[in-house]
């Protein structure tokens, strides 16, 4: 039994519903205000993990077939012009199995996952329309001073995003351990998982979920494509072989990063922290079972802000906005990663 995100009373999950939640209606509450069962949510999370595994293996096979087909075409072409040595000069990156697996991971898992949660989060952006009107359209008094609906109201659109995000983090955590990315990456993915878990069980902050767990991940999607060109995180030599591709994806990441992780992230965090503080000040009874979760979120955001006091606005905002440990490493480089490593462990 858990507290209802809407009323704060005790509510049981639905006893009869679809095991696999595939539509928005399947995530909705019934006439009694009961959300889908925990079993249905967990089964859907598992199904999404299986889907990602299938996509990853499909990408591996596609890359392998592309390599074989391209090799045959180039060999045939150069054979007919009687210069077999040219055929041997075809770039060997895809001939290496590890490189194909790296590309399949970044494209089939990371990019696809980030785009899926971004898409469904963006579809639910209307939940934040009052904030958009207040901040962007400069329409005063659009946002209610009451935090209830923003912190405790159930939204099926948000539940769908959270379920998909959890599946994404499960697969990401597994890959991080298999590929030996390091303790910082493992900590990031595990703690990101528990952040989303608290939003689903017992349930809170559904108003903010479409952004934080949804369309803010668009910058991560562009980063995953850019990471393929990095010698440490991607395919060694790919950036040298395709420099224009690296420039294009780098520009795309820079634009999406500034919007998602600097401007929008800081704005959302401000209103989110304001709501949480008001909730604690009122000693809301619905905090029962959620206090530790909220404390962790507040600590994470305040740590970022206080740690950068005295620096320029650009430097502070940029570091505040970087949600992904991978983004920090990509921007700061190996030296920055080593110097900030222990500090970043406390930033989740």
Protein backbone atom coordinates (compact mmCIF):
# COMPACT_ATOMS: atom_id res chain seq x y z
CA UNK A 1 0.00 0.00 0.00
CA UNK A 2 1.23 3.50 -0.69
CA UNK A 3 0.16 7.08 -0.44
CA UNK A 4 -1.84 8.45 -3.31
CA UNK A 5 0.07 11.18 -5.15
CA UNK A 6 -3.20 13.10 -5.46
CA UNK A 7 -4.89 12.96 -2.11
CA UNK A 8 -2.28 11.57 0.24
CA UNK A 9 -4.66 8.82 1.39
CA UNK A 10 -4.04 5.10 1.27
CA UNK A 11 -4.77 3.55 -2.10
CA UNK A 12 -4.30 0.07 -3.52
CA UNK A 13 -3.11 -0.63 -7.01
CA UNK A 14 -5.50 -1.95 -9.61
CA UNK A 15 -5.95 -5.69 -9.35
CA UNK A 16 -7.00 -6.24 -12.97
CA UNK A 17 -5.23 -4.46 -15.80
CA UNK A 18 -2.88 -5.14 -18.68
CA UNK A 19 0.40 -6.72 -17.69
CA UNK A 20 2.27 -4.81 -20.40
CA UNK A 21 1.57 -1.08 -20.35
CA UNK A 22 1.76 0.04 -23.96
CA UNK A 23 -0.62 2.99 -24.21
CA UNK A 24 -1.25 6.17 -22.28
CA UNK A 25 -4.64 4.82 -21.22
CA UNK A 26 -2.97 1.80 -19.63
CA UNK A 27 -0.99 4.15 -17.37
CA UNK A 28 -4.09 6.09 -16.33
CA UNK A 29 -5.85 5.76 -13.01
CA UNK A 30 -9.21 4.00 -12.82
CA UNK A 31 -12.45 5.51 -11.52
CA UNK A 32 -11.34 4.87 -7.94
CA UNK A 33 -8.06 6.70 -8.41
CA UNK A 34 -5.92 3.56 -8.45
CA UNK A 35 -2.84 3.54 -10.67
CA UNK A 36 -1.58 0.47 -12.59
CA UNK A 37 -0.24 -2.31 -10.41
CA UNK A 38 3.40 -2.48 -9.41
CA UNK A 39 3.64 -5.81 -11.24
CA UNK A 40 2.51 -4.17 -14.48
CA UNK A 41 5.00 -1.35 -14.09
CA UNK A 42 7.89 -3.72 -13.32
CA UNK A 43 6.94 -6.02 -16.19
CA UNK A 44 6.89 -3.04 -18.58
CA UNK A 45 10.31 -1.93 -17.32
CA UNK A 46 11.64 -5.42 -18.01
CA UNK A 47 10.03 -5.48 -21.45
CA UNK A 48 11.75 -2.22 -22.36
CA UNK A 49 15.11 -3.64 -21.24
CA UNK A 50 14.53 -6.67 -23.50
CA UNK A 51 13.60 -4.31 -26.34
CA UNK A 52 16.88 -2.41 -25.90
CA UNK A 53 18.89 -5.64 -25.90
CA UNK A 54 17.18 -6.65 -29.15
CA UNK A 55 17.93 -3.26 -30.71
CA UNK A 56 21.57 -3.51 -29.67
CA UNK A 57 22.01 -6.94 -31.27
CA UNK A 58 20.18 -5.74 -34.37
CA UNK A 59 22.59 -2.83 -34.66
CA UNK A 60 25.54 -5.20 -34.35
CA UNK A 61 24.22 -7.31 -37.19
CA UNK A 62 23.46 -4.30 -39.36
CA UNK A 63 26.97 -2.93 -38.87
CA UNK A 64 28.47 -6.34 -39.65
CA UNK A 65 26.42 -6.70 -42.83
CA UNK A 66 27.28 -3.15 -43.88
CA UNK A 67 30.95 -3.94 -43.47
CA UNK A 68 30.68 -7.17 -45.47
CA UNK A 69 28.59 -5.61 -48.23
CA UNK A 70 30.78 -2.54 -48.52
CA UNK A 71 33.92 -4.66 -48.58
CA UNK A 72 32.53 -6.80 -51.42
CA UNK A 73 31.49 -3.74 -53.42
CA UNK A 74 34.83 -1.97 -53.05
CA UNK A 75 36.75 -5.15 -53.78
CA UNK A 76 34.72 -5.78 -56.94
CA UNK A 77 35.12 -2.18 -58.07
CA UNK A 78 38.89 -2.07 -57.61
CA UNK A 79 39.25 -5.58 -59.03
CA UNK A 80 37.77 -4.48 -62.34
CA UNK A 81 40.18 -1.56 -62.58
CA UNK A 82 43.04 -4.00 -61.81
CA UNK A 83 44.27 -2.43 -58.60
CA UNK A 84 43.65 -4.85 -55.76
CA UNK A 85 45.87 -2.86 -53.41
CA UNK A 86 43.28 -0.08 -53.29
CA UNK A 87 40.67 -2.54 -52.08
CA UNK A 88 42.91 -3.37 -49.14
CA UNK A 89 43.01 0.30 -48.16
CA UNK A 90 39.34 0.42 -47.22
CA UNK A 91 39.05 1.84 -43.69
CA UNK A 92 39.13 -1.12 -41.27
CA UNK A 93 37.17 0.40 -38.38
CA UNK A 94 34.07 -1.74 -38.84
CA UNK A 95 36.18 -4.84 -39.37
CA UNK A 96 37.03 -4.76 -35.66
CA UNK A 97 34.29 -6.44 -33.64
CA UNK A 98 34.84 -4.26 -30.58
CA UNK A 99 34.28 -1.13 -32.65
CA UNK A 100 31.00 -2.49 -33.98
CA UNK A 101 29.89 -3.30 -30.44
CA UNK A 102 30.80 0.22 -29.24
CA UNK A 103 28.78 1.79 -32.05
CA UNK A 104 25.86 -0.55 -31.36
CA UNK A 105 25.93 0.40 -27.69
CA UNK A 106 26.04 4.16 -28.25
CA UNK A 107 23.48 4.13 -31.05
CA UNK A 108 21.23 1.16 -30.30
CA UNK A 109 21.11 1.63 -26.53
CA UNK A 110 22.14 5.11 -25.44
CA UNK A 111 20.85 7.13 -28.38
CA UNK A 112 17.63 5.15 -28.84
CA UNK A 113 16.86 5.20 -25.10
CA UNK A 114 17.52 8.91 -24.74
CA UNK A 115 15.38 9.69 -27.79
CA UNK A 116 12.52 7.50 -26.55
CA UNK A 117 12.30 9.19 -23.15
CA UNK A 118 12.84 12.60 -24.81
CA UNK A 119 9.99 11.97 -27.23
CA UNK A 120 7.47 10.91 -24.59
CA UNK A 121 8.66 13.63 -22.23
CA UNK A 122 8.22 16.25 -24.95
CA UNK A 123 4.72 14.96 -25.66
CA UNK A 124 3.90 15.64 -22.00
CA UNK A 125 5.36 19.17 -22.02
CA UNK A 126 1.84 20.61 -21.71
CA UNK A 127 2.03 19.65 -18.02
CA UNK A 128 4.58 22.45 -17.65
CA UNK A 129 2.60 24.97 -19.68
CA UNK A 130 1.97 27.25 -16.70
CA UNK A 131 5.72 27.45 -16.06
CA UNK A 132 6.39 28.04 -19.76
CA UNK A 133 3.86 30.87 -19.77
CA UNK A 134 5.44 32.40 -16.67
CA UNK A 135 9.09 32.15 -17.71
CA UNK A 136 9.03 32.43 -21.50
CA UNK A 137 5.82 34.29 -22.31
CA UNK A 138 6.16 36.53 -19.26
CA UNK A 139 2.57 36.02 -18.16
CA UNK A 140 2.41 36.62 -14.40
CA UNK A 141 0.36 34.58 -11.95
CA UNK A 142 0.16 31.58 -14.28
CA UNK A 143 1.78 29.23 -11.78
CA UNK A 144 -0.14 28.44 -8.64
CA UNK A 145 1.62 29.07 -5.36
CA UNK A 146 0.34 25.71 -4.15
CA UNK A 147 2.82 22.87 -4.68
CA UNK A 148 0.28 20.04 -4.33
CA UNK A 149 -0.32 19.31 -8.00
CA UNK A 150 3.33 19.69 -8.90
CA UNK A 151 4.68 17.38 -6.19
CA UNK A 152 1.92 14.89 -5.41
CA UNK A 153 -0.49 14.63 -8.33
CA UNK A 154 -0.33 11.49 -10.49
CA UNK A 155 0.09 11.99 -14.23
CA UNK A 156 -0.04 8.96 -16.56
CA UNK A 157 2.21 10.75 -19.06
CA UNK A 158 4.89 11.13 -16.39
CA UNK A 159 4.48 7.55 -15.19
CA UNK A 160 5.17 6.35 -18.73
CA UNK A 161 8.33 8.45 -18.96
CA UNK A 162 9.53 7.22 -15.56
CA UNK A 163 8.97 3.56 -16.46
CA UNK A 164 10.94 3.94 -19.70
CA UNK A 165 13.70 5.86 -17.91
CA UNK A 166 14.05 3.08 -15.34
CA UNK A 167 14.46 0.49 -18.07
CA UNK A 168 17.03 2.73 -19.72
CA UNK A 169 19.03 3.03 -16.50
CA UNK A 170 18.96 -0.72 -15.83
CA UNK A 171 20.48 -1.48 -19.22
CA UNK A 172 22.88 1.46 -18.90
CA UNK A 173 24.08 0.29 -15.48
CA UNK A 174 24.70 -3.23 -16.78
CA UNK A 175 26.61 -1.93 -19.81
CA UNK A 176 28.68 0.37 -17.62
CA UNK A 177 29.84 -2.58 -15.53
CA UNK A 178 30.43 -4.86 -18.53
CA UNK A 179 32.42 -2.23 -20.39
CA UNK A 180 34.29 -1.24 -17.23
CA UNK A 181 33.48 2.46 -17.52
CA UNK A 182 34.45 3.09 -13.91
CA UNK A 183 32.92 3.62 -10.49
CA UNK A 184 31.73 7.17 -11.21
CA UNK A 185 29.63 6.07 -14.17
CA UNK A 186 28.18 3.16 -12.21
CA UNK A 187 27.31 5.49 -9.32
CA UNK A 188 25.63 7.94 -11.69
CA UNK A 189 23.43 5.33 -13.37
CA UNK A 190 22.50 3.55 -10.14
CA UNK A 191 21.58 6.77 -8.37
CA UNK A 192 19.71 8.05 -11.43
CA UNK A 193 17.75 4.80 -11.25
CA UNK A 194 16.81 5.33 -7.61
CA UNK A 195 15.85 8.94 -8.34
CA UNK A 196 13.37 7.71 -10.93
CA UNK A 197 12.28 4.84 -8.66
CA UNK A 198 11.24 7.29 -5.96
CA UNK A 199 9.20 9.21 -8.50
CA UNK A 200 7.29 6.00 -9.29
CA UNK A 201 7.18 4.27 -5.88
CA UNK A 202 5.49 5.69 -3.86
CA UNK A 203 5.25 8.43 -6.47
CA UNK A 204 6.08 12.14 -6.48
CA UNK A 205 7.11 15.08 -8.65
CA UNK A 206 5.22 13.91 -11.74
CA UNK A 207 4.92 17.53 -12.85
CA UNK A 208 8.72 17.76 -13.23
CA UNK A 209 9.36 14.24 -14.54
CA UNK A 210 8.69 14.98 -18.25
CA UNK A 211 11.61 17.41 -18.23
CA UNK A 212 14.14 15.93 -15.81
CA UNK A 213 13.64 12.32 -16.94
CA UNK A 214 12.32 13.12 -20.40
CA UNK A 215 13.16 15.79 -22.92
CA UNK A 216 16.23 17.08 -21.07
CA UNK A 217 17.77 13.79 -22.24
CA UNK A 218 17.83 15.14 -25.79
CA UNK A 219 21.25 16.62 -25.04
CA UNK A 220 22.34 13.17 -23.87
CA UNK A 221 21.14 11.70 -27.18
CA UNK A 222 23.35 14.08 -29.15
CA UNK A 223 26.22 13.40 -26.77
CA UNK A 224 25.91 9.64 -27.38
CA UNK A 225 26.40 10.21 -31.11
CA UNK A 226 29.33 12.53 -30.45
CA UNK A 227 30.87 9.99 -28.05
CA UNK A 228 31.41 7.60 -30.97
CA UNK A 229 34.11 9.97 -32.26
CA UNK A 230 35.95 10.17 -28.95
CA UNK A 231 39.08 8.01 -28.63
CA UNK A 232 38.34 7.22 -24.96
CA UNK A 233 34.55 6.73 -24.98
CA UNK A 234 34.02 5.71 -28.58
CA UNK A 235 35.80 4.19 -31.57
CA UNK A 236 39.44 5.14 -31.67
CA UNK A 237 40.24 6.79 -34.98
CA UNK A 238 36.64 7.48 -35.98
CA UNK A 239 37.05 11.21 -35.37
CA UNK A 240 40.13 11.27 -37.59
CA UNK A 241 38.43 9.25 -40.31
CA UNK A 242 35.26 11.38 -40.28
CA UNK A 243 36.21 14.84 -38.95
CA UNK A 244 33.15 16.56 -40.44
CA UNK A 245 30.84 14.13 -38.65
CA UNK A 246 32.55 14.97 -35.37
CA UNK A 247 32.10 18.69 -36.02
CA UNK A 248 28.40 18.33 -36.90
CA UNK A 249 27.54 16.20 -33.86
CA UNK A 250 29.69 18.43 -31.66
CA UNK A 251 27.77 21.50 -32.75
CA UNK A 252 24.46 19.72 -32.20
CA UNK A 253 25.50 18.72 -28.70
CA UNK A 254 26.68 22.23 -27.83
CA UNK A 255 23.35 23.78 -28.82
CA UNK A 256 21.22 21.13 -27.07
CA UNK A 257 23.45 21.25 -24.00
CA UNK A 258 23.12 25.01 -23.55
CA UNK A 259 19.35 24.86 -23.85
CA UNK A 260 18.63 21.64 -21.93
CA UNK A 261 21.34 21.60 -19.28
CA UNK A 262 22.02 25.27 -18.68
CA UNK A 263 18.92 27.36 -19.35
CA UNK A 264 16.01 24.95 -18.91
CA UNK A 265 17.65 22.81 -16.22
CA UNK A 266 18.50 25.76 -13.98
CA UNK A 267 15.00 27.21 -14.36
CA UNK A 268 13.27 23.93 -13.58
CA UNK A 269 15.56 23.31 -10.61
CA UNK A 270 14.70 26.71 -9.15
CA UNK A 271 10.95 26.07 -9.15
CA UNK A 272 11.41 22.45 -8.06
CA UNK A 273 13.51 23.38 -5.04
CA UNK A 274 11.07 26.15 -4.20
CA UNK A 275 8.20 23.64 -4.12
CA UNK A 276 10.14 21.15 -2.02
CA UNK A 277 11.15 23.80 0.50
CA UNK A 278 7.55 24.99 0.80
CA UNK A 279 6.41 21.40 1.31
CA UNK A 280 8.91 20.83 4.13
CA UNK A 281 8.07 24.16 5.72
CA UNK A 282 4.40 23.16 5.81
CA UNK A 283 5.35 19.75 7.21
CA UNK A 284 3.03 18.16 4.69
CA UNK A 285 1.82 14.71 5.87
CA UNK A 286 2.32 13.38 2.35
CA UNK A 287 6.06 13.60 2.95
CA UNK A 288 5.78 10.32 4.85
CA UNK A 289 7.78 7.75 2.93
CA UNK A 290 9.24 10.44 0.68
CA UNK A 291 11.35 12.58 3.02
CA UNK A 292 14.66 10.85 2.34
CA UNK A 293 14.05 10.96 -1.40
CA UNK A 294 13.30 14.69 -1.34
CA UNK A 295 16.28 15.36 0.94
CA UNK A 296 18.59 13.66 -1.57
CA UNK A 297 17.22 15.76 -4.43
CA UNK A 298 17.63 18.99 -2.46
CA UNK A 299 21.15 18.03 -1.42
CA UNK A 300 22.15 17.28 -4.96
CA UNK A 301 21.00 20.62 -6.32
CA UNK A 302 22.28 22.72 -3.42
CA UNK A 303 25.65 20.99 -3.57
CA UNK A 304 26.06 21.99 -7.19
CA UNK A 305 25.10 25.59 -6.60
CA UNK A 306 27.16 26.15 -3.45
CA UNK A 307 30.24 24.39 -4.87
CA UNK A 308 30.58 26.95 -7.64
CA UNK A 309 30.05 30.18 -5.66
CA UNK A 310 32.54 32.86 -6.69
CA UNK A 311 32.93 31.62 -10.27
CA UNK A 312 31.56 33.20 -13.42
CA UNK A 313 27.89 32.65 -14.30
CA UNK A 314 28.76 30.62 -17.38
CA UNK A 315 31.11 28.25 -15.54
CA UNK A 316 28.73 27.78 -12.62
CA UNK A 317 25.61 27.27 -14.72
CA UNK A 318 27.34 24.87 -17.07
CA UNK A 319 28.60 22.61 -14.28
CA UNK A 320 25.27 22.80 -12.48
CA UNK A 321 23.42 21.75 -15.58
CA UNK A 322 25.52 18.72 -16.47
CA UNK A 323 23.28 15.87 -15.35
CA UNK A 324 25.36 13.08 -16.87
CA UNK A 325 28.77 12.10 -15.55
CA UNK A 326 29.72 11.26 -19.11
CA UNK A 327 28.98 14.87 -20.13
CA UNK A 328 31.26 16.14 -17.37
CA UNK A 329 34.10 13.92 -18.52
CA UNK A 330 33.65 14.86 -22.16
CA UNK A 331 33.71 18.59 -21.38
CA UNK A 332 36.32 18.68 -18.64
CA UNK A 333 38.72 16.14 -20.13
CA UNK A 334 40.84 13.55 -18.30
CA UNK A 335 42.51 16.09 -15.99
CA UNK A 336 39.21 17.61 -14.92
CA UNK A 337 37.70 14.19 -14.49
CA UNK A 338 40.46 13.13 -12.12
CA UNK A 339 40.44 16.33 -10.08
CA UNK A 340 36.64 16.43 -9.69
CA UNK A 341 36.12 12.72 -9.32
CA UNK A 342 35.63 12.53 -5.59
CA UNK A 343 33.57 15.72 -5.52
CA UNK A 344 31.22 14.44 -8.18
CA UNK A 345 30.54 11.28 -6.20
CA UNK A 346 28.58 13.42 -3.76
CA UNK A 347 26.65 15.14 -6.52
CA UNK A 348 23.85 12.63 -6.95
